[in-house]
Every structure is written in structure tokens, then in C-alpha cells.
């Protein structure tokens, strides 16, 4: 297993075995382990729990560093905050760390629904929790947030999907396909049977460059925002920041997460009827797209917002686009906290 996916880089987290997980696409993950980071204390009533699922490529560490803190909306002095790393991200059971027979390209296909069912098992069986005060997540975390609200409508009181949709769009599907192809077309990828992720460096660099183009926004480039982030040139930004971020990651992990991201769709519960699926939601909802997001633009998010009962539309303003999720824009984070403060008061 790559040293990148270690306690040193992403801890502290604990691995909790939720048992054998039967998968929607068929197959199973024996002794599926979820990597979990915990903050705060569960109260006697067990009604102060907040769940945060992770996004593509991200781990619990970035969620901790960007979104949690005393005096903030996600305050561990008030809430018991559970960050669950999604299956396939390198910390929870993944292609890079799975047992014999499931490693690398042999890892089974996992859907958003499989993650959420595993998380439900974690909460109910391990923590004895039968209600969540809030589920909040960005990007793929938002996809899981929507799945929670539709699959377990009586379990969640509030949901806050950030920069993500309940049903992935065709446009976003193609975006992700190009990201996958950047890795798959590296000859050293060798159908996922590479000896080390270092050998797939060229594919990972192309992947990072595509993220640079699509993850930020046209306005980000026009405003030379890379200077504000500490880089003297765009080339340095691409090579050191973007490529440096993806370079140590396991390509099979990224591809399994990407397959899952492309196929997120809560309308699978209702025979393809998105309005019927979103109509199941009982939680108070705060839909928070990012104004300049090229993956999940506000125009896509507002369509779903209009189908959800008891939903507020709270767009976040930032030219940093989708990757503003990483905390690069302090003003956007203030907006986000204010939306969550208001949501948690209801």
C-alpha cells in the first residue's frame, strides 16, 4: 500500500469493520472497513451527530482542516462529527489496500448507494445512532448526502449538499470520462496492473491538467488567482500544486471513485423518476452550489432544488469554482458557515 494513504498523511482515523458488504452491481466486499475520523462527543440522547462523507480524491483530513472548528457551524464542542471516507479512496477498503483477490483492477464496482448503506450500518450498529442532525458533503460527498436523504428519509433531519447534484448529468459524465481516459491511456497503466503508481506519472499529470482546466474557472485564470495561492506562474501552479496533489495517488482508486461519481442517481429508487425520488425527502435541505463551478453548476442544482420539499437555495459565490471546496476562498467559507448556521437552527 502506498505510504501516501497513511496515518501520517491523513490521520488520525480509525478503521471500523462493518462486515461483508453485498454490492448493488453484484459481488461483495468481505469485511468492508470504513476509515472514520471523529470529533466531539455524542450526547446522551444521541441526537447531535453530524455525518460528513468525502469527495473524489479527498480524505477526512481535508474535511477536518477546512470545515470543522470551534465557533464554526460544524463545531465539535456542540456536535459529534463523523467523517467517513468513501469506499475506494485509499483509506477505507480500496483497490490499493483490499485483500487477496480484490486488489487493483479486480476491485468490484461500487455505487454511491453501497457507500451509504455501509455508513448506515456503521451509525446504527457501531455507534447506536438512529438519527442524524445533519448530513453535509461536497461534490461526491453531496451525491452521498442526497442518497442519504432519499434512501433514509426519516433518519436525517437536515441535509446540505455542496457543489454536487442528486443525479449526475450527461455533461458531467463526459467531463469525468476525459479524466479517466487521461489515466487509462498511459501505456504504463497496463490495464491497472502497474507495479507502482509512480509508473503512471504521465497519466496522473494529464489527469491533473484536466482538473486545472475544469476544476477552477475562466474567471480564476483571468484574475491570476494562482498568485494569491502563492505561485508565481501558472506552469508552477500546474506542476507543483495540481500535479503534486494527484501524483502520489493510486490510479485504480481514482478510477473506481470516478465510475461511482459518473453514475450517481437517486432516481434509481423510483424507476428513473427524479421528481418522485426527491419528493421522498423529509429533511430540511440547503442546496449550496458554487457560482463558478464547471462540474456542478448552479443551473443544474436549482432544477433539483425546485423538486425538493422544504428546500432552500443558498448558492456560494466564488470564482475558484469547484475546487473552492478545498478552502482556497475564505469569503466563500464564511458564506458556507452562515448557511449551515441557519440550517442547524431549524
Protein backbone atom coordinates (compact mmCIF):
# COMPACT_ATOMS: atom_id res chain seq x y z
CA UNK A 1 0.00 0.00 0.00
CA UNK A 2 1.26 3.48 -0.84
CA UNK A 3 2.68 5.41 2.10
CA UNK A 4 0.54 8.32 0.89
CA UNK A 5 -2.55 6.60 2.35
CA UNK A 6 -1.21 6.54 5.89
CA UNK A 7 -1.98 7.90 9.33
CA UNK A 8 0.98 10.24 8.91
CA UNK A 9 -0.61 11.98 5.94
CA UNK A 10 -4.33 11.62 6.64
CA UNK A 11 -4.77 10.64 10.28
CA UNK A 12 -5.91 10.31 12.85
CA UNK A 13 -8.56 7.90 11.66
CA UNK A 14 -9.74 4.51 12.80
CA UNK A 15 -10.70 1.55 10.65
CA UNK A 16 -14.08 0.10 11.55
CA UNK A 17 -15.18 -3.23 10.08
CA UNK A 18 -18.85 -3.08 9.02
CA UNK A 19 -18.91 -6.68 7.88
CA UNK A 20 -19.46 -8.19 4.46
CA UNK A 21 -20.96 -5.67 2.04
CA UNK A 22 -23.09 -7.00 -0.80
CA UNK A 23 -22.85 -4.61 -3.73
CA UNK A 24 -25.60 -3.28 -5.97
CA UNK A 25 -23.66 -4.22 -9.11
CA UNK A 26 -23.05 -7.72 -7.81
CA UNK A 27 -20.14 -9.12 -5.89
CA UNK A 28 -19.21 -8.28 -2.35
CA UNK A 29 -16.52 -6.75 -0.19
CA UNK A 30 -15.72 -9.13 2.69
CA UNK A 31 -15.08 -7.37 5.99
CA UNK A 32 -15.51 -3.92 4.47
CA UNK A 33 -13.59 -1.38 6.52
CA UNK A 34 -14.54 2.28 6.76
CA UNK A 35 -11.89 4.80 7.76
CA UNK A 36 -13.55 7.17 10.22
CA UNK A 37 -12.42 10.39 11.90
CA UNK A 38 -14.36 11.52 14.95
CA UNK A 39 -14.69 14.94 16.57
CA UNK A 40 -16.69 15.97 19.62
CA UNK A 41 -18.85 13.82 21.87
CA UNK A 42 -22.11 12.01 21.24
CA UNK A 43 -24.66 13.26 23.76
CA UNK A 44 -26.87 11.04 25.90
CA UNK A 45 -29.84 11.50 23.57
CA UNK A 46 -27.64 10.61 20.59
CA UNK A 47 -29.24 13.39 18.59
CA UNK A 48 -26.23 15.66 17.96
CA UNK A 49 -24.49 13.55 15.31
CA UNK A 50 -23.33 15.07 12.03
CA UNK A 51 -22.12 12.91 9.15
CA UNK A 52 -19.63 14.16 6.57
CA UNK A 53 -18.87 11.86 3.61
CA UNK A 54 -15.79 12.55 1.48
CA UNK A 55 -15.40 13.59 -2.16
CA UNK A 56 -13.39 12.32 -5.12
CA UNK A 57 -9.68 12.03 -4.24
CA UNK A 58 -10.27 13.64 -0.84
CA UNK A 59 -9.97 12.18 2.62
CA UNK A 60 -11.21 13.01 6.08
CA UNK A 61 -8.11 15.17 6.63
CA UNK A 62 -9.15 17.91 4.23
CA UNK A 63 -12.69 17.91 5.65
CA UNK A 64 -11.28 18.32 9.14
CA UNK A 65 -8.92 21.13 8.17
CA UNK A 66 -11.32 23.15 6.02
CA UNK A 67 -14.75 22.72 7.61
CA UNK A 68 -14.53 21.85 11.31
CA UNK A 69 -13.63 24.12 14.21
CA UNK A 70 -14.69 25.76 17.46
CA UNK A 71 -17.07 28.64 16.82
CA UNK A 72 -17.83 27.44 13.32
CA UNK A 73 -21.06 25.84 12.13
CA UNK A 74 -19.50 22.38 12.39
CA UNK A 75 -18.37 22.85 15.97
CA UNK A 76 -17.08 19.75 17.78
CA UNK A 77 -17.94 21.40 21.09
CA UNK A 78 -21.62 21.14 20.12
CA UNK A 79 -21.80 18.18 17.78
CA UNK A 80 -20.48 14.65 17.40
CA UNK A 81 -18.96 14.85 13.93
CA UNK A 82 -18.29 11.67 11.99
CA UNK A 83 -16.25 11.92 8.80
CA UNK A 84 -16.46 8.73 6.77
CA UNK A 85 -14.01 8.11 3.96
CA UNK A 86 -15.78 6.73 0.93
CA UNK A 87 -15.05 3.21 -0.23
CA UNK A 88 -12.21 3.32 -2.75
CA UNK A 89 -10.48 6.49 -1.53
CA UNK A 90 -7.39 4.72 -0.24
CA UNK A 91 -8.20 4.85 3.48
CA UNK A 92 -11.40 2.81 3.59
CA UNK A 93 -11.36 -0.53 1.76
CA UNK A 94 -9.99 0.28 -1.71
CA UNK A 95 -8.23 -1.23 -4.71
CA UNK A 96 -4.89 -0.21 -3.18
CA UNK A 97 -5.43 -1.96 0.15
CA UNK A 98 -8.01 -4.69 -0.47
CA UNK A 99 -7.42 -8.29 0.46
CA UNK A 100 -6.29 -11.05 -1.83
CA UNK A 101 -8.39 -11.31 -4.97
CA UNK A 102 -9.84 -7.79 -4.78
CA UNK A 103 -6.70 -5.75 -5.27
CA UNK A 104 -6.12 -3.30 -8.11
CA UNK A 105 -8.30 -3.81 -11.19
CA UNK A 106 -10.03 -6.78 -9.52
CA UNK A 107 -11.80 -4.45 -7.09
CA UNK A 108 -15.57 -4.64 -7.62
CA UNK A 109 -17.72 -1.80 -8.90
CA UNK A 110 -19.14 0.26 -6.04
CA UNK A 111 -22.06 2.70 -6.22
CA UNK A 112 -22.93 5.70 -4.07
CA UNK A 113 -25.75 3.57 -2.65
CA UNK A 114 -23.23 0.99 -1.40
CA UNK A 115 -21.32 3.70 0.47
CA UNK A 116 -24.48 4.99 2.11
CA UNK A 117 -25.69 1.54 3.14
CA UNK A 118 -22.27 0.86 4.69
CA UNK A 119 -22.41 4.20 6.51
CA UNK A 120 -25.91 3.44 7.79
CA UNK A 121 -24.62 0.15 9.18
CA UNK A 122 -21.71 1.98 10.82
CA UNK A 123 -24.00 4.52 12.51
CA UNK A 124 -26.68 2.11 13.69
CA UNK A 125 -24.61 -0.94 14.64
CA UNK A 126 -21.34 0.59 15.80
CA UNK A 127 -22.48 3.89 17.33
CA UNK A 128 -26.12 3.08 18.13
CA UNK A 129 -27.29 6.20 16.31
CA UNK A 130 -30.77 6.26 14.78
CA UNK A 131 -30.96 9.92 13.79
CA UNK A 132 -28.62 12.46 12.23
CA UNK A 133 -28.84 16.18 12.93
CA UNK A 134 -27.15 16.85 9.59
CA UNK A 135 -25.51 15.19 6.61
CA UNK A 136 -23.23 17.58 4.75
CA UNK A 137 -20.82 16.88 1.93
CA UNK A 138 -19.27 18.42 -1.16
CA UNK A 139 -19.07 17.04 -4.70
CA UNK A 140 -19.19 13.23 -4.35
CA UNK A 141 -19.97 13.93 -0.71
CA UNK A 142 -23.04 15.83 -1.94
CA UNK A 143 -24.03 12.81 -4.03
CA UNK A 144 -23.89 10.68 -0.87
CA UNK A 145 -25.79 13.38 1.05
CA UNK A 146 -28.66 13.22 -1.45
CA UNK A 147 -28.64 9.42 -1.34
CA UNK A 148 -28.97 9.58 2.45
CA UNK A 149 -31.94 11.93 2.22
CA UNK A 150 -33.78 9.78 -0.33
CA UNK A 151 -32.84 6.31 0.96
CA UNK A 152 -33.33 7.02 4.68
CA UNK A 153 -35.75 9.97 4.78
CA UNK A 154 -36.73 9.51 8.44
CA UNK A 155 -33.12 9.15 9.61
CA UNK A 156 -31.84 12.59 8.62
CA UNK A 157 -33.20 15.88 9.94
CA UNK A 158 -31.16 18.20 7.72
CA UNK A 159 -29.03 17.83 4.61
CA UNK A 160 -26.61 20.22 2.93
CA UNK A 161 -25.32 19.11 -0.47
CA UNK A 162 -22.47 21.40 -1.55
CA UNK A 163 -21.31 21.61 -5.17
CA UNK A 164 -23.00 18.38 -6.22
CA UNK A 165 -26.23 17.01 -7.66
CA UNK A 166 -28.61 14.18 -6.85
CA UNK A 167 -28.42 12.86 -10.39
CA UNK A 168 -25.26 13.25 -12.40
CA UNK A 169 -25.72 14.99 -15.74
CA UNK A 170 -24.62 13.76 -19.16
CA UNK A 171 -22.33 16.78 -19.37
CA UNK A 172 -20.61 15.89 -16.12
CA UNK A 173 -20.41 12.22 -17.14
CA UNK A 174 -18.34 13.19 -20.21
CA UNK A 175 -16.17 15.52 -18.10
CA UNK A 176 -15.31 12.60 -15.84
CA UNK A 177 -14.77 10.29 -18.80
CA UNK A 178 -11.96 12.52 -20.08
CA UNK A 179 -10.40 12.44 -16.61
CA UNK A 180 -10.48 8.65 -16.67
CA UNK A 181 -9.05 8.45 -20.17
CA UNK A 182 -6.07 10.58 -19.12
CA UNK A 183 -5.07 7.71 -16.82
CA UNK A 184 -6.26 4.75 -18.89
CA UNK A 185 -4.28 5.82 -21.98
CA UNK A 186 -0.95 5.84 -20.15
CA UNK A 187 0.81 2.70 -21.54
CA UNK A 188 2.27 2.07 -18.09
CA UNK A 189 -1.22 1.80 -16.62
CA UNK A 190 -1.19 -1.72 -18.08
CA UNK A 191 -4.90 -2.38 -17.52
CA UNK A 192 -4.49 -1.50 -13.86
CA UNK A 193 -1.68 -3.97 -13.26
CA UNK A 194 1.13 -1.47 -12.71
CA UNK A 195 3.72 -2.27 -10.05
CA UNK A 196 3.69 1.27 -8.64
CA UNK A 197 1.60 4.40 -9.18
CA UNK A 198 4.88 6.20 -9.97
CA UNK A 199 4.91 4.34 -13.27
CA UNK A 200 1.64 6.04 -14.26
CA UNK A 201 3.06 9.53 -13.64
CA UNK A 202 2.30 10.77 -17.17
CA UNK A 203 -1.35 9.74 -16.94
CA UNK A 204 -1.73 11.27 -13.50
CA UNK A 205 -0.18 14.51 -14.77
CA UNK A 206 -2.64 14.70 -17.69
CA UNK A 207 -5.41 14.00 -15.18
CA UNK A 208 -4.17 16.89 -13.02
CA UNK A 209 -4.02 19.26 -16.00
CA UNK A 210 -7.62 18.48 -16.91
CA UNK A 211 -8.60 19.19 -13.32
CA UNK A 212 -6.77 22.52 -13.59
CA UNK A 213 -8.84 23.49 -16.63
CA UNK A 214 -12.21 22.33 -15.27
CA UNK A 215 -11.85 22.43 -11.51
CA UNK A 216 -11.25 26.16 -11.35
CA UNK A 217 -13.00 28.70 -13.62
CA UNK A 218 -12.30 31.04 -16.52
CA UNK A 219 -12.53 33.95 -14.09
CA UNK A 220 -9.99 32.26 -11.78
CA UNK A 221 -7.43 32.36 -14.60
CA UNK A 222 -8.34 35.89 -15.69
CA UNK A 223 -7.86 37.18 -12.13
CA UNK A 224 -4.49 35.41 -11.77
CA UNK A 225 -5.77 33.73 -8.65
CA UNK A 226 -2.80 31.36 -8.68
CA UNK A 227 -0.71 34.32 -7.46
CA UNK A 228 -2.95 34.67 -4.41
CA UNK A 229 -2.40 30.99 -3.73
CA UNK A 230 1.37 31.53 -3.67
CA UNK A 231 2.50 30.52 -7.17
CA UNK A 232 4.48 32.85 -9.43
CA UNK A 233 3.31 31.27 -12.69
CA UNK A 234 0.51 29.08 -13.97
CA UNK A 235 3.07 26.47 -15.01
CA UNK A 236 4.38 26.28 -11.46
CA UNK A 237 0.80 26.06 -10.19
CA UNK A 238 0.06 23.13 -12.51
CA UNK A 239 3.31 21.29 -11.83
CA UNK A 240 3.62 21.81 -8.10
CA UNK A 241 0.09 22.27 -6.81
CA UNK A 242 -2.19 20.32 -9.15
CA UNK A 243 0.18 17.58 -10.31
CA UNK A 244 1.74 17.42 -6.87
CA UNK A 245 -1.69 16.74 -5.40
CA UNK A 246 -2.59 13.82 -7.68
CA UNK A 247 0.87 12.31 -8.29
CA UNK A 248 1.05 10.12 -5.15
CA UNK A 249 -2.48 8.74 -5.53
CA UNK A 250 -3.30 5.23 -6.70
CA UNK A 251 -4.80 5.27 -10.23
CA UNK A 252 -7.12 2.31 -9.58
CA UNK A 253 -8.52 4.11 -6.54
CA UNK A 254 -9.23 7.19 -8.64
CA UNK A 255 -10.88 5.19 -11.41
CA UNK A 256 -13.19 3.29 -9.07
CA UNK A 257 -14.29 6.53 -7.40
CA UNK A 258 -14.80 8.13 -10.80
CA UNK A 259 -17.02 5.28 -12.02
CA UNK A 260 -19.14 5.78 -8.91
CA UNK A 261 -19.28 9.56 -9.37
CA UNK A 262 -20.43 9.27 -13.00
CA UNK A 263 -23.40 7.05 -12.09
CA UNK A 264 -24.76 8.83 -9.03
CA UNK A 265 -28.54 8.94 -9.40
CA UNK A 266 -31.15 8.92 -6.63
CA UNK A 267 -33.89 8.30 -9.21
CA UNK A 268 -32.74 4.65 -9.25
CA UNK A 269 -35.10 4.38 -6.25
CA UNK A 270 -38.11 5.39 -8.33
CA UNK A 271 -37.65 3.84 -11.75
CA UNK A 272 -35.88 6.90 -13.14
CA UNK A 273 -38.38 9.47 -11.85
CA UNK A 274 -36.17 12.16 -10.28
CA UNK A 275 -39.10 14.25 -9.04
CA UNK A 276 -40.57 11.25 -7.24
CA UNK A 277 -37.22 10.40 -5.65
CA UNK A 278 -36.54 13.93 -4.43
CA UNK A 279 -40.14 14.15 -3.28
CA UNK A 280 -39.36 11.47 -0.71
CA UNK A 281 -37.07 13.79 1.20
CA UNK A 282 -38.34 14.76 4.65
CA UNK A 283 -35.23 16.59 5.86
CA UNK A 284 -34.75 20.33 5.82
CA UNK A 285 -32.49 20.91 2.81
CA UNK A 286 -29.97 23.62 1.97
CA UNK A 287 -28.72 23.30 -1.61
CA UNK A 288 -25.34 25.03 -1.96
CA UNK A 289 -23.81 25.11 -5.43
CA UNK A 290 -20.70 27.21 -6.11
CA UNK A 291 -21.33 30.10 -8.51
CA UNK A 292 -18.49 29.33 -10.97
CA UNK A 293 -18.48 25.53 -10.69
CA UNK A 294 -17.99 23.91 -14.11
CA UNK A 295 -18.74 20.38 -12.87
CA UNK A 296 -21.95 21.02 -10.94
CA UNK A 297 -23.14 24.50 -11.99
CA UNK A 298 -25.92 26.32 -10.11
CA UNK A 299 -28.20 25.89 -13.14
CA UNK A 300 -28.15 22.12 -12.58
CA UNK A 301 -28.55 22.42 -8.81
CA UNK A 302 -31.54 24.75 -8.96
CA UNK A 303 -33.51 22.29 -11.11
CA UNK A 304 -33.22 19.72 -8.33
CA UNK A 305 -33.84 22.28 -5.60
CA UNK A 306 -37.21 23.06 -7.20
CA UNK A 307 -38.19 19.39 -6.86
CA UNK A 308 -37.36 19.11 -3.16
CA UNK A 309 -39.92 19.91 -0.45
CA UNK A 310 -38.68 22.20 2.34
CA UNK A 311 -35.59 23.22 0.40
CA UNK A 312 -33.58 26.45 0.48
CA UNK A 313 -31.28 27.51 -2.36
CA UNK A 314 -28.06 29.02 -1.00
CA UNK A 315 -25.51 29.50 -3.80
CA UNK A 316 -21.95 30.24 -2.69
CA UNK A 317 -20.09 32.94 -4.58
CA UNK A 318 -16.53 32.16 -5.65
CA UNK A 319 -14.53 32.36 -8.85
CA UNK A 320 -12.47 29.46 -7.52
CA UNK A 321 -15.17 27.19 -8.89
CA UNK A 322 -15.46 23.56 -7.88
CA UNK A 323 -12.06 23.47 -6.21
CA UNK A 324 -13.12 26.23 -3.87
CA UNK A 325 -14.20 23.20 -1.84
CA UNK A 326 -10.57 22.90 -0.75
CA UNK A 327 -10.83 26.11 1.26
CA UNK A 328 -8.97 28.46 -1.07
CA UNK A 329 -11.58 31.23 -0.71
CA UNK A 330 -12.12 32.36 2.88
CA UNK A 331 -15.10 34.53 1.92
CA UNK A 332 -16.86 31.52 0.41
CA UNK A 333 -16.22 29.54 3.58
CA UNK A 334 -17.84 32.33 5.60
CA UNK A 335 -20.90 32.14 3.36
CA UNK A 336 -21.00 28.38 3.77
CA UNK A 337 -20.79 28.61 7.55
CA UNK A 338 -23.61 31.14 7.63
CA UNK A 339 -25.85 28.84 5.55
CA UNK A 340 -25.08 25.91 7.86
CA UNK A 341 -25.65 28.01 11.00
CA UNK A 342 -29.11 28.94 9.72
CA UNK A 343 -29.90 25.37 8.70
CA UNK A 344 -28.90 23.97 12.08
CA UNK A 345 -31.20 26.43 13.85
CA UNK A 346 -34.27 24.84 12.24
